[in-house]
Amino acid sequence: SLKTEGDLQDRIVRLSWSLFGFFLILYFATTVVTLVQFPLAISN
């Protein structure tokens, strides 16, 4: 979105919302799995 302009940039910005939502779901799922499966991860 920084490197493009016009219609392509508009499509990328619209797609960014969906991709961010997908990233957020994976991020939280990975965090939960990590904390459940590897409780030593927060021992430090």
PDB file of all heavy atoms in Angstrom:
ATOM      1  N   SER A   1       0.828  -1.206   0.000  1.00  0.00           N
ATOM      2  CA  SER A   1       0.000   0.000   0.000  1.00  0.00           C
ATOM      3  C   SER A   1       0.866   1.260   0.000  1.00  0.00           C
ATOM      4  O   SER A   1       0.419   2.318  -0.447  1.00  0.00           O
ATOM      5  CB  SER A   1      -0.967   0.008   1.183  1.00  0.00           C
ATOM      6  OG  SER A   1      -0.266   0.154   2.396  1.00  0.00           O
ATOM      7  N   LEU A   2       2.098   1.147   0.479  1.00  0.00           N
ATOM      8  CA  LEU A   2       3.025   2.277   0.417  1.00  0.00           C
ATOM      9  C   LEU A   2       3.620   2.452  -0.975  1.00  0.00           C
ATOM     10  O   LEU A   2       3.941   3.557  -1.386  1.00  0.00           O
ATOM     11  CB  LEU A   2       4.190   2.070   1.398  1.00  0.00           C
ATOM     12  CG  LEU A   2       3.903   2.189   2.871  1.00  0.00           C
ATOM     13  CD1 LEU A   2       5.142   1.824   3.670  1.00  0.00           C
ATOM     14  CD2 LEU A   2       3.468   3.589   3.219  1.00  0.00           C
ATOM     15  N   LYS A   3       3.788   1.361  -1.693  1.00  0.00           N
ATOM     16  CA  LYS A   3       4.516   1.383  -2.955  1.00  0.00           C
ATOM     17  C   LYS A   3       3.620   1.502  -4.187  1.00  0.00           C
ATOM     18  O   LYS A   3       4.137   1.621  -5.288  1.00  0.00           O
ATOM     19  CB  LYS A   3       5.372   0.118  -3.093  1.00  0.00           C
ATOM     20  CG  LYS A   3       6.439  -0.039  -2.029  1.00  0.00           C
ATOM     21  CD  LYS A   3       7.436   1.083  -2.054  1.00  0.00           C
ATOM     22  CE  LYS A   3       8.420   0.908  -3.177  1.00  0.00           C
ATOM     23  NZ  LYS A   3       9.432   1.953  -3.246  1.00  0.00           N
ATOM     24  N   THR A   4       2.314   1.449  -4.030  1.00  0.00           N
ATOM     25  CA  THR A   4       1.410   1.501  -5.182  1.00  0.00           C
ATOM     26  C   THR A   4       0.519   2.727  -5.092  1.00  0.00           C
ATOM     27  O   THR A   4       0.510   3.448  -4.092  1.00  0.00           O
ATOM     28  CB  THR A   4       0.539   0.239  -5.246  1.00  0.00           C
ATOM     29  OG1 THR A   4      -0.182   0.110  -4.021  1.00  0.00           O
ATOM     30  CG2 THR A   4       1.369  -1.006  -5.476  1.00  0.00           C
ATOM     31  N   GLU A   5      -0.251   2.938  -6.144  1.00  0.00           N
ATOM     32  CA  GLU A   5      -1.190   4.062  -6.172  1.00  0.00           C
ATOM     33  C   GLU A   5      -2.385   3.688  -7.028  1.00  0.00           C
ATOM     34  O   GLU A   5      -2.383   2.661  -7.709  1.00  0.00           O
ATOM     35  CB  GLU A   5      -0.510   5.316  -6.707  1.00  0.00           C
ATOM     36  CG  GLU A   5       0.092   5.170  -8.071  1.00  0.00           C
ATOM     37  CD  GLU A   5       0.897   6.399  -8.483  1.00  0.00           C
ATOM     38  OE1 GLU A   5       1.239   7.240  -7.641  1.00  0.00           O
ATOM     39  OE2 GLU A   5       1.171   6.493  -9.682  1.00  0.00           O
ATOM     40  N   GLY A   6      -3.407   4.505  -6.956  1.00  0.00           N
ATOM     41  CA  GLY A   6      -4.578   4.315  -7.806  1.00  0.00           C
ATOM     42  C   GLY A   6      -5.436   3.121  -7.429  1.00  0.00           C
ATOM     43  O   GLY A   6      -5.599   2.794  -6.251  1.00  0.00           O
ATOM     44  N   ASP A   7      -5.998   2.462  -8.475  1.00  0.00           N
ATOM     45  CA  ASP A   7      -6.902   1.331  -8.267  1.00  0.00           C
ATOM     46  C   ASP A   7      -6.215   0.172  -7.559  1.00  0.00           C
ATOM     47  O   ASP A   7      -6.818  -0.486  -6.709  1.00  0.00           O
ATOM     48  CB  ASP A   7      -7.459   0.844  -9.606  1.00  0.00           C
ATOM     49  CG  ASP A   7      -8.392   1.861 -10.238  1.00  0.00           C
ATOM     50  OD1 ASP A   7      -8.933   2.698  -9.487  1.00  0.00           O
ATOM     51  OD2 ASP A   7      -8.569   1.806 -11.465  1.00  0.00           O
ATOM     52  N   LEU A   8      -4.961  -0.084  -7.923  1.00  0.00           N
ATOM     53  CA  LEU A   8      -4.228  -1.181  -7.288  1.00  0.00           C
ATOM     54  C   LEU A   8      -4.068  -0.930  -5.794  1.00  0.00           C
ATOM     55  O   LEU A   8      -4.279  -1.827  -4.979  1.00  0.00           O
ATOM     56  CB  LEU A   8      -2.870  -1.371  -7.955  1.00  0.00           C
ATOM     57  CG  LEU A   8      -2.005  -2.507  -7.412  1.00  0.00           C
ATOM     58  CD1 LEU A   8      -2.727  -3.840  -7.539  1.00  0.00           C
ATOM     59  CD2 LEU A   8      -0.667  -2.548  -8.149  1.00  0.00           C
ATOM     60  N   GLN A   9      -3.744   0.285  -5.426  1.00  0.00           N
ATOM     61  CA  GLN A   9      -3.603   0.611  -4.007  1.00  0.00           C
ATOM     62  C   GLN A   9      -4.943   0.472  -3.286  1.00  0.00           C
ATOM     63  O   GLN A   9      -4.989  -0.043  -2.163  1.00  0.00           O
ATOM     64  CB  GLN A   9      -3.058   2.026  -3.835  1.00  0.00           C
ATOM     65  CG  GLN A   9      -2.795   2.373  -2.371  1.00  0.00           C
ATOM     66  CD  GLN A   9      -2.325   3.792  -2.188  1.00  0.00           C
ATOM     67  OE1 GLN A   9      -2.742   4.693  -2.925  1.00  0.00           O
ATOM     68  NE2 GLN A   9      -1.460   4.002  -1.221  1.00  0.00           N
ATOM     69  N   ASP A  10      -6.027   0.890  -3.913  1.00  0.00           N
ATOM     70  CA  ASP A  10      -7.353   0.753  -3.301  1.00  0.00           C
ATOM     71  C   ASP A  10      -7.684  -0.720  -3.050  1.00  0.00           C
ATOM     72  O   ASP A  10      -8.211  -1.073  -1.998  1.00  0.00           O
ATOM     73  CB  ASP A  10      -8.423   1.392  -4.181  1.00  0.00           C
ATOM     74  CG  ASP A  10      -8.270   2.902  -4.267  1.00  0.00           C
ATOM     75  OD1 ASP A  10      -7.619   3.488  -3.382  1.00  0.00           O
ATOM     76  OD2 ASP A  10      -8.808   3.490  -5.232  1.00  0.00           O
ATOM     77  N   ARG A  11      -7.377  -1.573  -4.028  1.00  0.00           N
ATOM     78  CA  ARG A  11      -7.627  -3.009  -3.852  1.00  0.00           C
ATOM     79  C   ARG A  11      -6.771  -3.583  -2.737  1.00  0.00           C
ATOM     80  O   ARG A  11      -7.237  -4.410  -1.944  1.00  0.00           O
ATOM     81  CB  ARG A  11      -7.346  -3.746  -5.163  1.00  0.00           C
ATOM     82  CG  ARG A  11      -8.410  -3.513  -6.195  1.00  0.00           C
ATOM     83  CD  ARG A  11      -8.244  -4.279  -7.491  1.00  0.00           C
ATOM     84  NE  ARG A  11      -7.311  -5.373  -7.487  1.00  0.00           N
ATOM     85  CZ  ARG A  11      -6.563  -5.723  -8.528  1.00  0.00           C
ATOM     86  NH1 ARG A  11      -6.645  -5.032  -9.648  1.00  0.00           N
ATOM     87  NH2 ARG A  11      -5.760  -6.748  -8.465  1.00  0.00           N
ATOM     88  N   ILE A  12      -5.527  -3.139  -2.665  1.00  0.00           N
ATOM     89  CA  ILE A  12      -4.631  -3.639  -1.616  1.00  0.00           C
ATOM     90  C   ILE A  12      -5.107  -3.198  -0.241  1.00  0.00           C
ATOM     91  O   ILE A  12      -5.094  -3.982   0.715  1.00  0.00           O
ATOM     92  CB  ILE A  12      -3.184  -3.174  -1.895  1.00  0.00           C
ATOM     93  CG1 ILE A  12      -2.623  -3.909  -3.109  1.00  0.00           C
ATOM     94  CG2 ILE A  12      -2.297  -3.387  -0.684  1.00  0.00           C
ATOM     95  CD1 ILE A  12      -1.313  -3.365  -3.617  1.00  0.00           C
ATOM     96  N   VAL A  13      -5.545  -1.959  -0.121  1.00  0.00           N
ATOM     97  CA  VAL A  13      -6.034  -1.458   1.176  1.00  0.00           C
ATOM     98  C   VAL A  13      -7.284  -2.224   1.608  1.00  0.00           C
ATOM     99  O   VAL A  13      -7.413  -2.600   2.777  1.00  0.00           O
ATOM    100  CB  VAL A  13      -6.290   0.064   1.108  1.00  0.00           C
ATOM    101  CG1 VAL A  13      -7.042   0.548   2.329  1.00  0.00           C
ATOM    102  CG2 VAL A  13      -4.969   0.813   0.972  1.00  0.00           C
ATOM    103  N   ARG A  14      -8.191  -2.478   0.673  1.00  0.00           N
ATOM    104  CA  ARG A  14      -9.393  -3.268   1.015  1.00  0.00           C
ATOM    105  C   ARG A  14      -8.994  -4.678   1.438  1.00  0.00           C
ATOM    106  O   ARG A  14      -9.554  -5.232   2.380  1.00  0.00           O
ATOM    107  CB  ARG A  14     -10.348  -3.312  -0.167  1.00  0.00           C
ATOM    108  CG  ARG A  14     -11.167  -2.060  -0.358  1.00  0.00           C
ATOM    109  CD  ARG A  14     -12.324  -2.268  -1.329  1.00  0.00           C
ATOM    110  NE  ARG A  14     -11.903  -2.804  -2.623  1.00  0.00           N
ATOM    111  CZ  ARG A  14     -11.515  -2.080  -3.666  1.00  0.00           C
ATOM    112  NH1 ARG A  14     -11.464  -0.767  -3.565  1.00  0.00           N
ATOM    113  NH2 ARG A  14     -11.180  -2.658  -4.805  1.00  0.00           N
ATOM    114  N   LEU A  15      -8.047  -5.265   0.736  1.00  0.00           N
ATOM    115  CA  LEU A  15      -7.581  -6.606   1.072  1.00  0.00           C
ATOM    116  C   LEU A  15      -6.844  -6.632   2.410  1.00  0.00           C
ATOM    117  O   LEU A  15      -6.855  -7.638   3.112  1.00  0.00           O
ATOM    118  CB  LEU A  15      -6.680  -7.132  -0.052  1.00  0.00           C
ATOM    119  CG  LEU A  15      -6.244  -8.579   0.009  1.00  0.00           C
ATOM    120  CD1 LEU A  15      -7.460  -9.505  -0.017  1.00  0.00           C
ATOM    121  CD2 LEU A  15      -5.316  -8.893  -1.148  1.00  0.00           C
ATOM    122  N   SER A  16      -6.219  -5.516   2.773  1.00  0.00           N
ATOM    123  CA  SER A  16      -5.470  -5.437   4.038  1.00  0.00           C
ATOM    124  C   SER A  16      -6.365  -5.725   5.234  1.00  0.00           C
ATOM    125  O   SER A  16      -5.926  -6.340   6.211  1.00  0.00           O
ATOM    126  CB  SER A  16      -4.834  -4.052   4.190  1.00  0.00           C
ATOM    127  OG  SER A  16      -3.886  -3.820   3.211  1.00  0.00           O
ATOM    128  N   TRP A  17      -7.614  -5.266   5.177  1.00  0.00           N
ATOM    129  CA  TRP A  17      -8.535  -5.506   6.286  1.00  0.00           C
ATOM    130  C   TRP A  17      -8.772  -6.997   6.485  1.00  0.00           C
ATOM    131  O   TRP A  17      -8.708  -7.503   7.613  1.00  0.00           O
ATOM    132  CB  TRP A  17      -9.861  -4.783   6.058  1.00  0.00           C
ATOM    133  CG  TRP A  17      -9.747  -3.320   6.285  1.00  0.00           C
ATOM    134  CD1 TRP A  17      -9.603  -2.350   5.338  1.00  0.00           C
ATOM    135  CD2 TRP A  17      -9.720  -2.653   7.544  1.00  0.00           C
ATOM    136  NE1 TRP A  17      -9.510  -1.122   5.933  1.00  0.00           N
ATOM    137  CE2 TRP A  17      -9.576  -1.274   7.289  1.00  0.00           C
ATOM    138  CE3 TRP A  17      -9.810  -3.085   8.862  1.00  0.00           C
ATOM    139  CZ2 TRP A  17      -9.522  -0.329   8.308  1.00  0.00           C
ATOM    140  CZ3 TRP A  17      -9.757  -2.141   9.876  1.00  0.00           C
ATOM    141  CH2 TRP A  17      -9.619  -0.791   9.590  1.00  0.00           C
ATOM    142  N   SER A  18      -9.039  -7.707   5.407  1.00  0.00           N
ATOM    143  CA  SER A  18      -9.285  -9.150   5.507  1.00  0.00           C
ATOM    144  C   SER A  18      -8.031  -9.890   5.962  1.00  0.00           C
ATOM    145  O   SER A  18      -8.093 -10.775   6.815  1.00  0.00           O
ATOM    146  CB  SER A  18      -9.731  -9.707   4.156  1.00  0.00           C
ATOM    147  OG  SER A  18     -10.878  -9.063   3.712  1.00  0.00           O
ATOM    148  N   LEU A  19      -6.890  -9.521   5.386  1.00  0.00           N
ATOM    149  CA  LEU A  19      -5.639 -10.188   5.750  1.00  0.00           C
ATOM    150  C   LEU A  19      -5.248  -9.899   7.198  1.00  0.00           C
ATOM    151  O   LEU A  19      -4.718 -10.775   7.887  1.00  0.00           O
ATOM    152  CB  LEU A  19      -4.521  -9.772   4.794  1.00  0.00           C
ATOM    153  CG  LEU A  19      -4.670 -10.279   3.366  1.00  0.00           C
ATOM    154  CD1 LEU A  19      -3.575  -9.704   2.483  1.00  0.00           C
ATOM    155  CD2 LEU A  19      -4.663 -11.794   3.325  1.00  0.00           C
ATOM    156  N   PHE A  20      -5.524  -8.677   7.664  1.00  0.00           N
ATOM    157  CA  PHE A  20      -5.231  -8.381   9.064  1.00  0.00           C
ATOM    158  C   PHE A  20      -6.123  -9.207   9.982  1.00  0.00           C
ATOM    159  O   PHE A  20      -5.658  -9.715  11.009  1.00  0.00           O
ATOM    160  CB  PHE A  20      -5.400  -6.892   9.366  1.00  0.00           C
ATOM    161  CG  PHE A  20      -5.151  -6.572  10.812  1.00  0.00           C
ATOM    162  CD1 PHE A  20      -3.866  -6.581  11.320  1.00  0.00           C
ATOM    163  CD2 PHE A  20      -6.203  -6.311  11.668  1.00  0.00           C
ATOM    164  CE1 PHE A  20      -3.628  -6.313  12.655  1.00  0.00           C
ATOM    165  CE2 PHE A  20      -5.975  -6.039  13.003  1.00  0.00           C
ATOM    166  CZ  PHE A  20      -4.686  -6.040  13.499  1.00  0.00           C
ATOM    167  N   GLY A  21      -7.397  -9.350   9.632  1.00  0.00           N
ATOM    168  CA  GLY A  21      -8.299 -10.192  10.427  1.00  0.00           C
ATOM    169  C   GLY A  21      -7.820 -11.634  10.469  1.00  0.00           C
ATOM    170  O   GLY A  21      -7.828 -12.271  11.526  1.00  0.00           O
ATOM    171  N   PHE A  22      -7.390 -12.154   9.320  1.00  0.00           N
ATOM    172  CA  PHE A  22      -6.853 -13.512   9.253  1.00  0.00           C
ATOM    173  C   PHE A  22      -5.593 -13.629  10.107  1.00  0.00           C
ATOM    174  O   PHE A  22      -5.424 -14.594  10.859  1.00  0.00           O
ATOM    175  CB  PHE A  22      -6.557 -13.872   7.796  1.00  0.00           C
ATOM    176  CG  PHE A  22      -6.067 -15.270   7.592  1.00  0.00           C
ATOM    177  CD1 PHE A  22      -6.879 -16.357   7.843  1.00  0.00           C
ATOM    178  CD2 PHE A  22      -4.778 -15.489   7.138  1.00  0.00           C
ATOM    179  CE1 PHE A  22      -6.420 -17.649   7.656  1.00  0.00           C
ATOM    180  CE2 PHE A  22      -4.303 -16.776   6.949  1.00  0.00           C
ATOM    181  CZ  PHE A  22      -5.131 -17.855   7.213  1.00  0.00           C
ATOM    182  N   PHE A  23      -4.702 -12.633  10.022  1.00  0.00           N
ATOM    183  CA  PHE A  23      -3.492 -12.628  10.846  1.00  0.00           C
ATOM    184  C   PHE A  23      -3.843 -12.610  12.331  1.00  0.00           C
ATOM    185  O   PHE A  23      -3.235 -13.327  13.131  1.00  0.00           O
ATOM    186  CB  PHE A  23      -2.617 -11.415  10.504  1.00  0.00           C
ATOM    187  CG  PHE A  23      -1.523 -11.174  11.498  1.00  0.00           C
ATOM    188  CD1 PHE A  23      -0.384 -11.965  11.501  1.00  0.00           C
ATOM    189  CD2 PHE A  23      -1.629 -10.171  12.444  1.00  0.00           C
ATOM    190  CE1 PHE A  23       0.624 -11.750  12.430  1.00  0.00           C
ATOM    191  CE2 PHE A  23      -0.630  -9.947  13.370  1.00  0.00           C
ATOM    192  CZ  PHE A  23       0.501 -10.740  13.363  1.00  0.00           C
ATOM    193  N   LEU A  24      -4.820 -11.790  12.705  1.00  0.00           N
ATOM    194  CA  LEU A  24      -5.201 -11.672  14.113  1.00  0.00           C
ATOM    195  C   LEU A  24      -5.739 -12.995  14.655  1.00  0.00           C
ATOM    196  O   LEU A  24      -5.397 -13.390  15.777  1.00  0.00           O
ATOM    197  CB  LEU A  24      -6.244 -10.563  14.263  1.00  0.00           C
ATOM    198  CG  LEU A  24      -6.342  -9.863  15.595  1.00  0.00           C
ATOM    199  CD1 LEU A  24      -5.010  -9.259  15.983  1.00  0.00           C
ATOM    200  CD2 LEU A  24      -7.402  -8.789  15.539  1.00  0.00           C
ATOM    201  N   ILE A  25      -6.544 -13.684  13.867  1.00  0.00           N
ATOM    202  CA  ILE A  25      -7.063 -14.993  14.281  1.00  0.00           C
ATOM    203  C   ILE A  25      -5.919 -15.975  14.485  1.00  0.00           C
ATOM    204  O   ILE A  25      -5.848 -16.667  15.509  1.00  0.00           O
ATOM    205  CB  ILE A  25      -8.081 -15.523  13.254  1.00  0.00           C
ATOM    206  CG1 ILE A  25      -9.358 -14.686  13.299  1.00  0.00           C
ATOM    207  CG2 ILE A  25      -8.400 -16.994  13.495  1.00  0.00           C
ATOM    208  CD1 ILE A  25     -10.298 -14.924  12.136  1.00  0.00           C
ATOM    209  N   LEU A  26      -5.012 -16.039  13.524  1.00  0.00           N
ATOM    210  CA  LEU A  26      -3.861 -16.943  13.651  1.00  0.00           C
ATOM    211  C   LEU A  26      -2.953 -16.548  14.814  1.00  0.00           C
ATOM    212  O   LEU A  26      -2.423 -17.412  15.521  1.00  0.00           O
ATOM    213  CB  LEU A  26      -3.056 -16.968  12.354  1.00  0.00           C
ATOM    214  CG  LEU A  26      -3.704 -17.651  11.166  1.00  0.00           C
ATOM    215  CD1 LEU A  26      -2.809 -17.540   9.939  1.00  0.00           C
ATOM    216  CD2 LEU A  26      -4.000 -19.106  11.475  1.00  0.00           C
ATOM    217  N   TYR A  27      -2.779 -15.252  15.016  1.00  0.00           N
ATOM    218  CA  TYR A  27      -1.939 -14.753  16.109  1.00  0.00           C
ATOM    219  C   TYR A  27      -2.493 -15.194  17.464  1.00  0.00           C
ATOM    220  O   TYR A  27      -1.763 -15.724  18.302  1.00  0.00           O
ATOM    221  CB  TYR A  27      -1.860 -13.230  16.017  1.00  0.00           C
ATOM    222  CG  TYR A  27      -1.072 -12.591  17.131  1.00  0.00           C
ATOM    223  CD1 TYR A  27       0.301 -12.517  17.068  1.00  0.00           C
ATOM    224  CD2 TYR A  27      -1.715 -12.044  18.238  1.00  0.00           C
ATOM    225  CE1 TYR A  27       1.032 -11.924  18.086  1.00  0.00           C
ATOM    226  CE2 TYR A  27      -1.000 -11.456  19.248  1.00  0.00           C
ATOM    227  CZ  TYR A  27       0.366 -11.390  19.170  1.00  0.00           C
ATOM    228  OH  TYR A  27       1.083 -10.814  20.181  1.00  0.00           O
ATOM    229  N   PHE A  28      -3.783 -14.983  17.680  1.00  0.00           N
ATOM    230  CA  PHE A  28      -4.384 -15.364  18.960  1.00  0.00           C
ATOM    231  C   PHE A  28      -4.422 -16.876  19.128  1.00  0.00           C
ATOM    232  O   PHE A  28      -4.188 -17.388  20.224  1.00  0.00           O
ATOM    233  CB  PHE A  28      -5.777 -14.762  19.116  1.00  0.00           C
ATOM    234  CG  PHE A  28      -5.745 -13.295  19.434  1.00  0.00           C
ATOM    235  CD1 PHE A  28      -6.433 -12.397  18.651  1.00  0.00           C
ATOM    236  CD2 PHE A  28      -5.017 -12.810  20.507  1.00  0.00           C
ATOM    237  CE1 PHE A  28      -6.405 -11.040  18.919  1.00  0.00           C
ATOM    238  CE2 PHE A  28      -4.974 -11.461  20.794  1.00  0.00           C
ATOM    239  CZ  PHE A  28      -5.663 -10.567  19.998  1.00  0.00           C
ATOM    240  N   ALA A  29      -4.701 -17.609  18.060  1.00  0.00           N
ATOM    241  CA  ALA A  29      -4.709 -19.072  18.146  1.00  0.00           C
ATOM    242  C   ALA A  29      -3.313 -19.597  18.489  1.00  0.00           C
ATOM    243  O   ALA A  29      -3.170 -20.482  19.346  1.00  0.00           O
ATOM    244  CB  ALA A  29      -5.195 -19.675  16.832  1.00  0.00           C
ATOM    245  N   THR A  30      -2.299 -19.053  17.854  1.00  0.00           N
ATOM    246  CA  THR A  30      -0.931 -19.473  18.147  1.00  0.00           C
ATOM    247  C   THR A  30      -0.541 -19.132  19.579  1.00  0.00           C
ATOM    248  O   THR A  30       0.108 -19.926  20.263  1.00  0.00           O
ATOM    249  CB  THR A  30       0.049 -18.798  17.165  1.00  0.00           C
ATOM    250  OG1 THR A  30      -0.337 -19.117  15.840  1.00  0.00           O
ATOM    251  CG2 THR A  30       1.467 -19.245  17.399  1.00  0.00           C
ATOM    252  N   THR A  31      -0.957 -17.967  20.050  1.00  0.00           N
ATOM    253  CA  THR A  31      -0.656 -17.576  21.426  1.00  0.00           C
ATOM    254  C   THR A  31      -1.309 -18.524  22.422  1.00  0.00           C
ATOM    255  O   THR A  31      -0.669 -18.984  23.383  1.00  0.00           O
ATOM    256  CB  THR A  31      -1.125 -16.127  21.681  1.00  0.00           C
ATOM    257  OG1 THR A  31      -0.465 -15.264  20.758  1.00  0.00           O
ATOM    258  CG2 THR A  31      -0.825 -15.695  23.099  1.00  0.00           C
ATOM    259  N   VAL A  32      -2.573 -18.848  22.198  1.00  0.00           N
ATOM    260  CA  VAL A  32      -3.281 -19.753  23.112  1.00  0.00           C
ATOM    261  C   VAL A  32      -2.649 -21.143  23.101  1.00  0.00           C
ATOM    262  O   VAL A  32      -2.400 -21.734  24.151  1.00  0.00           O
ATOM    263  CB  VAL A  32      -4.787 -19.817  22.746  1.00  0.00           C
ATOM    264  CG1 VAL A  32      -5.485 -20.943  23.476  1.00  0.00           C
ATOM    265  CG2 VAL A  32      -5.451 -18.486  23.047  1.00  0.00           C
ATOM    266  N   VAL A  33      -2.367 -21.664  21.911  1.00  0.00           N
ATOM    267  CA  VAL A  33      -1.749 -22.991  21.810  1.00  0.00           C
ATOM    268  C   VAL A  33      -0.388 -22.993  22.485  1.00  0.00           C
ATOM    269  O   VAL A  33      -0.041 -23.940  23.202  1.00  0.00           O
ATOM    270  CB  VAL A  33      -1.652 -23.436  20.328  1.00  0.00           C
ATOM    271  CG1 VAL A  33      -0.763 -24.662  20.180  1.00  0.00           C
ATOM    272  CG2 VAL A  33      -3.031 -23.706  19.771  1.00  0.00           C
ATOM    273  N   THR A  34       0.388 -21.952  22.289  1.00  0.00           N
ATOM    274  CA  THR A  34       1.712 -21.870  22.917  1.00  0.00           C
ATOM    275  C   THR A  34       1.598 -21.864  24.431  1.00  0.00           C
ATOM    276  O   THR A  34       2.324 -22.586  25.113  1.00  0.00           O
ATOM    277  CB  THR A  34       2.450 -20.598  22.446  1.00  0.00           C
ATOM    278  OG1 THR A  34       2.603 -20.651  21.031  1.00  0.00           O
ATOM    279  CG2 THR A  34       3.802 -20.481  23.100  1.00  0.00           C
ATOM    280  N   LEU A  35       0.689 -21.067  24.966  1.00  0.00           N
ATOM    281  CA  LEU A  35       0.555 -20.980  26.420  1.00  0.00           C
ATOM    282  C   LEU A  35       0.004 -22.267  27.029  1.00  0.00           C
ATOM    283  O   LEU A  35       0.343 -22.616  28.163  1.00  0.00           O
ATOM    284  CB  LEU A  35      -0.313 -19.785  26.795  1.00  0.00           C
ATOM    285  CG  LEU A  35       0.288 -18.421  26.465  1.00  0.00           C
ATOM    286  CD1 LEU A  35      -0.702 -17.313  26.779  1.00  0.00           C
ATOM    287  CD2 LEU A  35       1.594 -18.207  27.200  1.00  0.00           C
ATOM    288  N   VAL A  36      -0.838 -22.987  26.284  1.00  0.00           N
ATOM    289  CA  VAL A  36      -1.407 -24.232  26.792  1.00  0.00           C
ATOM    290  C   VAL A  36      -0.407 -25.379  26.654  1.00  0.00           C
ATOM    291  O   VAL A  36      -0.181 -26.146  27.598  1.00  0.00           O
ATOM    292  CB  VAL A  36      -2.734 -24.565  26.073  1.00  0.00           C
ATOM    293  CG1 VAL A  36      -3.199 -25.970  26.381  1.00  0.00           C
ATOM    294  CG2 VAL A  36      -3.804 -23.552  26.443  1.00  0.00           C
ATOM    295  N   GLN A  37       0.214 -25.507  25.491  1.00  0.00           N
ATOM    296  CA  GLN A  37       1.111 -26.625  25.226  1.00  0.00           C
ATOM    297  C   GLN A  37       2.491 -26.450  25.856  1.00  0.00           C
ATOM    298  O   GLN A  37       3.152 -27.430  26.178  1.00  0.00           O
ATOM    299  CB  GLN A  37       1.280 -26.823  23.708  1.00  0.00           C
ATOM    300  CG  GLN A  37       0.027 -27.258  23.008  1.00  0.00           C
ATOM    301  CD  GLN A  37      -0.364 -28.677  23.386  1.00  0.00           C
ATOM    302  OE1 GLN A  37       0.480 -29.540  23.542  1.00  0.00           O
ATOM    303  NE2 GLN A  37      -1.653 -28.904  23.547  1.00  0.00           N
ATOM    304  N   PHE A  38       2.946 -25.214  25.983  1.00  0.00           N
ATOM    305  CA  PHE A  38       4.294 -24.937  26.495  1.00  0.00           C
ATOM    306  C   PHE A  38       4.224 -23.903  27.616  1.00  0.00           C
ATOM    307  O   PHE A  38       4.611 -22.751  27.435  1.00  0.00           O
ATOM    308  CB  PHE A  38       5.202 -24.426  25.374  1.00  0.00           C
ATOM    309  CG  PHE A  38       5.240 -25.328  24.182  1.00  0.00           C
ATOM    310  CD1 PHE A  38       4.504 -25.027  23.047  1.00  0.00           C
ATOM    311  CD2 PHE A  38       5.990 -26.488  24.199  1.00  0.00           C
ATOM    312  CE1 PHE A  38       4.527 -25.859  21.949  1.00  0.00           C
ATOM    313  CE2 PHE A  38       6.024 -27.326  23.106  1.00  0.00           C
ATOM    314  CZ  PHE A  38       5.291 -27.008  21.972  1.00  0.00           C
ATOM    315  N   PRO A  39       3.741 -24.308  28.791  1.00  0.00           N
ATOM    316  CA  PRO A  39       3.600 -23.330  29.881  1.00  0.00           C
ATOM    317  C   PRO A  39       4.941 -22.753  30.343  1.00  0.00           C
ATOM    318  O   PRO A  39       4.971 -21.685  30.944  1.00  0.00           O
ATOM    319  CB  PRO A  39       2.924 -24.129  30.999  1.00  0.00           C
ATOM    320  CG  PRO A  39       3.119 -25.559  30.645  1.00  0.00           C
ATOM    321  CD  PRO A  39       3.285 -25.637  29.168  1.00  0.00           C
ATOM    322  N   LEU A  40       6.053 -23.431  30.028  1.00  0.00           N
ATOM    323  CA  LEU A  40       7.364 -22.896  30.402  1.00  0.00           C
ATOM    324  C   LEU A  40       7.741 -21.672  29.566  1.00  0.00           C
ATOM    325  O   LEU A  40       8.728 -21.004  29.867  1.00  0.00           O
ATOM    326  CB  LEU A  40       8.446 -23.970  30.246  1.00  0.00           C
ATOM    327  CG  LEU A  40       8.389 -25.136  31.231  1.00  0.00           C
ATOM    328  CD1 LEU A  40       9.450 -26.168  30.895  1.00  0.00           C
ATOM    329  CD2 LEU A  40       8.578 -24.627  32.650  1.00  0.00           C
ATOM    330  N   ALA A  41       6.966 -21.385  28.534  1.00  0.00           N
ATOM    331  CA  ALA A  41       7.273 -20.254  27.669  1.00  0.00           C
ATOM    332  C   ALA A  41       7.235 -18.925  28.426  1.00  0.00           C
ATOM    333  O   ALA A  41       7.915 -17.980  28.044  1.00  0.00           O
ATOM    334  CB  ALA A  41       6.315 -20.202  26.482  1.00  0.00           C
ATOM    335  N   ILE A  42       6.465 -18.856  29.494  1.00  0.00           N
ATOM    336  CA  ILE A  42       6.409 -17.609  30.264  1.00  0.00           C
ATOM    337  C   ILE A  42       7.162 -17.697  31.591  1.00  0.00           C
ATOM    338  O   ILE A  42       7.077 -16.792  32.403  1.00  0.00           O
ATOM    339  CB  ILE A  42       4.958 -17.149  30.498  1.00  0.00           C
ATOM    340  CG1 ILE A  42       4.159 -18.191  31.256  1.00  0.00           C
ATOM    341  CG2 ILE A  42       4.288 -16.779  29.203  1.00  0.00           C
ATOM    342  CD1 ILE A  42       2.812 -17.688  31.718  1.00  0.00           C
ATOM    343  N   SER A  43       7.936 -18.760  31.774  1.00  0.00           N
ATOM    344  CA  SER A  43       8.688 -18.881  33.035  1.00  0.00           C
ATOM    345  C   SER A  43       9.755 -17.798  33.161  1.00  0.00           C
ATOM    346  O   SER A  43      10.054 -17.351  34.273  1.00  0.00           O
ATOM    347  CB  SER A  43       9.323 -20.268  33.150  1.00  0.00           C
ATOM    348  OG  SER A  43      10.277 -20.461  32.123  1.00  0.00           O
ATOM    349  N   ASN A  44      10.336 -17.367  32.051  1.00  0.00           N
ATOM    350  CA  ASN A  44      11.347 -16.303  32.108  1.00  0.00           C
ATOM    351  C   ASN A  44      10.752 -14.953  32.452  1.00  0.00           C
ATOM    352  O   ASN A  44      11.461 -14.040  32.852  1.00  0.00           O
ATOM    353  CB  ASN A  44      12.097 -16.205  30.776  1.00  0.00           C
ATOM    354  CG  ASN A  44      13.104 -17.314  30.615  1.00  0.00           C
ATOM    355  OD1 ASN A  44      13.601 -17.871  31.583  1.00  0.00           O
ATOM    356  ND2 ASN A  44      13.410 -17.650  29.380  1.00  0.00           N
TER     357      ASN A  44
END
